[in-house]
Amino acid sequence: MGIDGLGGSAAGGSGNGIGGGTGSGSADTAAAAETATGLDTDLDKALNTARTGSPVEQGNALRTLDAMTGSRQASDAAVDQNAAPATMTAAQTCTIEVRFKPVIGPTNHAFIVTTDADSANYFRGGPQANNTGLNSPSSRSSSDAPQAPYDPEFGIYGPIVTEYGAYRPGTVDWTTEPSGRQTVAETQGNCDRIETELAHHMDDIEAARINYMPLAANSNSTVREALERSGYPDVSPVVWAPAWNSQLPDLPGPR
């Protein structure tokens, strides 16, 4: 890895900054490569601390970088780069997926899973009444407020309720063998922004008190609506997901 000349040629030929030098021979080359690899790791750590640490940590990291590079100007240039080193960026990727669970016959229930280096979270919808085969039953509402009591005007299924939280064993839609899965997007950084946005949309859907209808307004409609409102309008399910393209009524305008 090279950062503005800080990770130059490990051996043989010229290099600017860390890892530069001259020489030949397989032993020298291997030793230089090993040294360069170690320095890359230390360099990543120092750069990350210099960018994100506390003031004291940043000061110490900058002094470390000065010693490693032999140049304060080189250290400042590396710290000021907008792009993070590849080894740091790779650990900060957010993956947004739609996953599916089989229900009755060929039908499938969709839910969203977001994954980054720190956590995996899910977002889903379903009927308030737990007596339909077209969805996994919803164990709790996403809202902090108590779930609304059953209302006969919504029929046997009740309104759509939503749920989100940590995706782990015991979660309502937990499965190690989904009937389908597709990646919606992979973005740099963690999933905090998209998870906050999805949570807002899930809350809006539940607050709208939309009558749950298995083949017209269901969990699949909820997932599509949340994705579309989050900027992903062109997702098509890889398995049959009834009512995927059904528009949910009575929702506020896009955020």
Protein backbone atom coordinates (compact mmCIF):
# COMPACT_ATOMS: atom_id res chain seq x y z
CA MET A 1 0.00 0.00 0.00
CA GLY A 2 1.34 3.44 -0.85
CA ILE A 3 0.10 6.71 0.54
CA ASP A 4 1.52 9.78 -1.19
CA GLY A 5 4.89 8.13 -1.39
CA LEU A 6 4.87 6.83 2.18
CA GLY A 7 4.79 3.23 0.98
CA GLY A 8 7.28 3.25 -1.85
CA SER A 9 9.25 0.39 -3.34
CA ALA A 10 10.18 -2.20 -0.75
CA ALA A 11 13.48 -3.15 -2.33
CA GLY A 12 15.48 -2.80 -5.48
CA GLY A 13 14.86 0.49 -7.29
CA SER A 14 14.04 3.79 -5.68
CA GLY A 15 11.33 4.77 -3.26
CA ASN A 16 10.27 7.93 -1.50
CA GLY A 17 9.59 7.66 2.22
CA ILE A 18 8.87 4.44 4.05
CA GLY A 19 10.04 1.27 2.35
CA GLY A 20 12.34 3.02 -0.12
CA GLY A 21 15.90 1.91 -0.62
CA THR A 22 18.26 0.07 -2.84
CA GLY A 23 19.68 -3.38 -2.88
CA SER A 24 19.24 -6.79 -4.42
CA GLY A 25 19.03 -10.41 -3.51
CA SER A 26 16.12 -12.54 -2.40
CA ALA A 27 17.00 -12.35 1.32
CA ASP A 28 17.17 -8.59 1.27
CA THR A 29 13.95 -8.41 -0.74
CA ALA A 30 12.06 -10.68 1.67
CA ALA A 31 13.32 -8.79 4.70
CA ALA A 32 12.40 -5.45 3.17
CA ALA A 33 8.95 -6.71 2.20
CA GLU A 34 8.36 -7.98 5.72
CA THR A 35 9.45 -4.63 7.13
CA ALA A 36 7.21 -2.76 4.71
CA THR A 37 4.21 -4.88 5.66
CA GLY A 38 4.71 -4.16 9.34
CA LEU A 39 5.14 -0.47 8.67
CA ASP A 40 1.95 -0.41 6.59
CA THR A 41 0.02 -1.83 9.53
CA ASP A 42 1.52 0.67 11.96
CA LEU A 43 1.00 3.46 9.46
CA ASP A 44 -2.70 2.66 9.11
CA LYS A 45 -3.14 2.71 12.87
CA ALA A 46 -1.26 5.98 13.26
CA LEU A 47 -3.19 7.63 10.43
CA ASN A 48 -6.52 6.49 11.82
CA THR A 49 -5.66 7.81 15.30
CA ALA A 50 -4.38 11.11 13.87
CA ARG A 51 -7.70 11.56 12.05
CA THR A 52 -10.21 10.33 14.61
CA GLY A 53 -8.58 10.17 18.07
CA SER A 54 -8.90 12.55 20.99
CA PRO A 55 -6.70 15.69 20.90
CA VAL A 56 -4.04 13.98 23.03
CA GLU A 57 -4.16 10.82 20.90
CA GLN A 58 -3.98 12.88 17.71
CA GLY A 59 -0.90 14.72 18.99
CA ASN A 60 0.87 11.50 19.89
CA ALA A 61 -0.07 9.93 16.55
CA LEU A 62 1.28 12.93 14.62
CA ARG A 63 4.60 12.65 16.44
CA THR A 64 4.69 8.95 15.58
CA LEU A 65 4.00 9.74 11.93
CA ASP A 66 6.75 12.38 11.91
CA ALA A 67 9.21 9.77 13.19
CA MET A 68 8.01 7.16 10.68
CA THR A 69 8.13 9.43 7.65
CA GLY A 70 11.00 11.67 8.69
CA SER A 71 9.00 14.63 7.43
CA ARG A 72 6.26 16.64 9.09
CA GLN A 73 5.05 17.79 5.67
CA ALA A 74 4.63 14.16 4.54
CA SER A 75 2.72 13.32 7.73
CA ASP A 76 0.39 16.30 7.31
CA ALA A 77 -0.27 15.40 3.67
CA ALA A 78 -1.16 11.81 4.57
CA VAL A 79 -3.44 12.81 7.44
CA ASP A 80 -5.22 15.40 5.29
CA GLN A 81 -6.11 12.95 2.51
CA ASN A 82 -9.85 12.63 1.95
CA ALA A 83 -9.59 8.95 1.00
CA ALA A 84 -8.82 6.53 3.80
CA PRO A 85 -6.18 3.82 3.26
CA ALA A 86 -7.52 0.68 1.61
CA THR A 87 -7.05 -1.47 4.71
CA MET A 88 -9.16 0.97 6.74
CA THR A 89 -11.81 1.43 4.05
CA ALA A 90 -12.31 -2.30 3.63
CA ALA A 91 -13.26 -2.62 7.29
CA GLN A 92 -15.83 0.16 6.92
CA THR A 93 -18.27 -1.08 4.32
CA CYS A 94 -22.04 -1.10 4.74
CA THR A 95 -23.95 -3.83 2.90
CA ILE A 96 -27.71 -3.48 2.40
CA GLU A 97 -29.51 -6.70 1.50
CA VAL A 98 -33.02 -7.97 0.95
CA ARG A 99 -33.44 -11.49 2.24
CA PHE A 100 -36.40 -13.80 1.88
CA LYS A 101 -37.99 -16.59 3.88
CA PRO A 102 -40.37 -19.14 2.36
CA VAL A 103 -43.92 -19.13 3.67
CA ILE A 104 -46.91 -20.81 1.98
CA GLY A 105 -46.11 -22.71 -1.22
CA PRO A 106 -44.01 -20.59 -3.60
CA THR A 107 -44.58 -17.34 -1.69
CA ASN A 108 -41.79 -15.55 0.15
CA HIS A 109 -41.53 -12.95 2.89
CA ALA A 110 -38.96 -10.15 2.46
CA PHE A 111 -36.96 -8.31 5.08
CA ILE A 112 -33.93 -6.00 5.01
CA VAL A 113 -30.56 -6.72 6.63
CA THR A 114 -27.82 -4.11 6.97
CA THR A 115 -24.31 -5.26 7.86
CA ASP A 116 -21.10 -3.39 8.66
CA ALA A 117 -17.95 -4.17 10.61
CA ASP A 118 -19.72 -3.63 13.93
CA SER A 119 -23.20 -5.10 13.63
CA ALA A 120 -26.06 -6.55 11.58
CA ASN A 121 -29.58 -5.13 11.84
CA TYR A 122 -32.93 -6.08 10.31
CA PHE A 123 -36.02 -4.12 9.20
CA ARG A 124 -39.37 -5.77 8.49
CA GLY A 125 -43.14 -5.45 8.49
CA GLY A 126 -46.07 -7.77 9.07
CA PRO A 127 -49.66 -8.03 10.33
CA GLN A 128 -50.52 -6.93 13.83
CA ALA A 129 -52.62 -10.06 14.24
CA ASN A 130 -50.37 -13.14 14.23
CA ASN A 131 -52.70 -15.41 12.30
CA THR A 132 -51.51 -15.19 8.71
CA GLY A 133 -49.34 -17.67 6.88
CA LEU A 134 -47.95 -15.05 4.50
CA ASN A 135 -45.54 -13.59 7.03
CA SER A 136 -43.47 -14.61 9.96
CA PRO A 137 -45.37 -13.32 13.01
CA SER A 138 -44.21 -9.97 14.34
CA SER A 139 -42.99 -10.30 17.92
CA ARG A 140 -43.04 -6.59 18.73
CA SER A 141 -43.51 -3.19 17.20
CA SER A 142 -40.60 -0.99 16.18
CA SER A 143 -42.18 1.90 18.03
CA ASP A 144 -41.18 2.73 21.60
CA ALA A 145 -44.87 3.25 22.44
CA PRO A 146 -47.08 0.26 23.32
CA GLN A 147 -48.59 -1.42 20.30
CA ALA A 148 -52.13 -0.25 19.52
CA PRO A 149 -54.94 -2.59 20.62
CA TYR A 150 -56.64 -4.78 18.07
CA ASP A 151 -59.12 -2.80 15.97
CA PRO A 152 -61.97 -4.71 14.27
CA GLU A 153 -62.07 -2.25 11.37
CA PHE A 154 -58.82 -3.78 10.09
CA GLY A 155 -60.26 -7.27 9.72
CA ILE A 156 -58.58 -10.45 10.90
CA TYR A 157 -55.01 -9.29 10.19
CA GLY A 158 -55.01 -5.84 11.72
CA PRO A 159 -52.79 -3.00 10.44
CA ILE A 160 -49.22 -3.33 9.24
CA VAL A 161 -46.73 -3.11 12.09
CA THR A 162 -42.99 -2.81 11.66
CA GLU A 163 -39.97 -3.96 13.57
CA TYR A 164 -36.22 -3.43 13.50
CA GLY A 165 -33.21 -4.18 15.64
CA ALA A 166 -30.13 -6.40 15.96
CA TYR A 167 -30.23 -9.36 13.58
CA ARG A 168 -29.19 -12.44 15.54
CA PRO A 169 -30.46 -15.91 16.52
CA GLY A 170 -33.92 -15.66 18.02
CA THR A 171 -34.88 -12.66 15.90
CA VAL A 172 -38.31 -13.05 14.30
CA ASP A 173 -36.85 -13.39 10.78
CA TRP A 174 -33.60 -15.10 11.72
CA THR A 175 -32.58 -17.79 9.22
CA THR A 176 -29.31 -19.28 8.06
CA GLU A 177 -30.97 -20.60 4.90
CA PRO A 178 -32.90 -17.78 3.22
CA SER A 179 -34.91 -18.71 0.13
CA GLY A 180 -33.27 -15.78 -1.62
CA ARG A 181 -30.96 -12.87 -0.92
CA GLN A 182 -29.78 -9.95 -2.99
CA THR A 183 -27.41 -7.08 -2.38
CA VAL A 184 -29.10 -3.71 -2.81
CA ALA A 185 -25.99 -1.59 -2.24
CA GLU A 186 -22.50 -1.55 -0.73
CA THR A 187 -21.28 1.83 0.50
CA GLN A 188 -18.16 3.04 2.26
CA GLY A 189 -18.45 3.73 5.96
CA ASN A 190 -20.74 2.20 8.55
CA CYS A 191 -24.50 1.70 8.23
CA ASP A 192 -25.56 4.38 10.73
CA ARG A 193 -27.05 6.78 8.17
CA ILE A 194 -29.06 4.23 6.17
CA GLU A 195 -30.21 2.44 9.33
CA THR A 196 -31.54 5.71 10.76
CA GLU A 197 -33.32 6.42 7.50
CA LEU A 198 -34.85 2.94 7.25
CA ALA A 199 -36.01 3.17 10.86
CA HIS A 200 -37.77 6.49 10.13
CA HIS A 201 -39.56 4.98 7.14
CA MET A 202 -40.60 1.91 9.11
CA ASP A 203 -42.00 4.15 11.83
CA ASP A 204 -43.94 6.16 9.22
CA ILE A 205 -45.45 3.00 7.76
CA GLU A 206 -46.62 1.76 11.14
CA ALA A 207 -47.95 5.18 12.14
CA ALA A 208 -50.08 5.30 8.97
CA ARG A 209 -52.20 2.38 10.26
CA ILE A 210 -52.43 0.68 6.88
CA ASN A 211 -54.79 -2.27 6.62
CA TYR A 212 -52.71 -5.43 6.16
CA MET A 213 -53.85 -7.43 3.12
CA PRO A 214 -51.89 -10.58 2.26
CA LEU A 215 -51.89 -10.00 -1.50
CA ALA A 216 -52.08 -6.21 -1.63
CA ALA A 217 -50.30 -4.51 1.30
CA ASN A 218 -47.99 -6.76 3.28
CA SER A 219 -44.42 -7.28 4.47
CA ASN A 220 -43.08 -7.25 0.92
CA SER A 221 -44.81 -3.96 0.15
CA THR A 222 -43.33 -2.56 3.35
CA VAL A 223 -39.77 -3.52 2.41
CA ARG A 224 -40.10 -2.12 -1.11
CA GLU A 225 -41.57 1.14 0.23
CA ALA A 226 -38.79 1.59 2.79
CA LEU A 227 -36.08 0.92 0.20
CA GLU A 228 -37.65 3.25 -2.35
CA ARG A 229 -37.90 6.06 0.19
CA SER A 230 -34.26 5.47 1.12
CA GLY A 231 -33.11 5.99 -2.46
CA TYR A 232 -33.25 2.44 -3.83
CA PRO A 233 -36.33 2.38 -6.10
CA ASP A 234 -35.26 -0.26 -8.63
CA VAL A 235 -34.98 -3.40 -6.53
CA SER A 236 -36.73 -6.45 -8.01
CA PRO A 237 -37.06 -9.57 -5.86
CA VAL A 238 -35.14 -12.68 -6.90
CA VAL A 239 -38.00 -14.93 -5.74
CA TRP A 240 -41.77 -14.54 -5.86
CA ALA A 241 -42.78 -11.98 -3.25
CA PRO A 242 -46.52 -11.19 -3.51
CA ALA A 243 -47.49 -7.49 -3.41
CA TRP A 244 -43.89 -6.34 -3.78
CA ASN A 245 -44.91 -3.57 -6.18
CA SER A 246 -48.07 -2.56 -4.35
CA GLN A 247 -48.01 1.08 -3.26
CA LEU A 248 -48.86 1.60 0.39
CA PRO A 249 -51.58 4.23 0.92
CA ASP A 250 -51.86 7.03 3.50
CA LEU A 251 -48.13 7.67 3.92
CA PRO A 252 -46.52 11.09 4.40
CA GLY A 253 -44.42 12.43 1.53
CA PRO A 254 -40.79 11.37 1.09
CA ARG A 255 -38.41 12.66 3.74
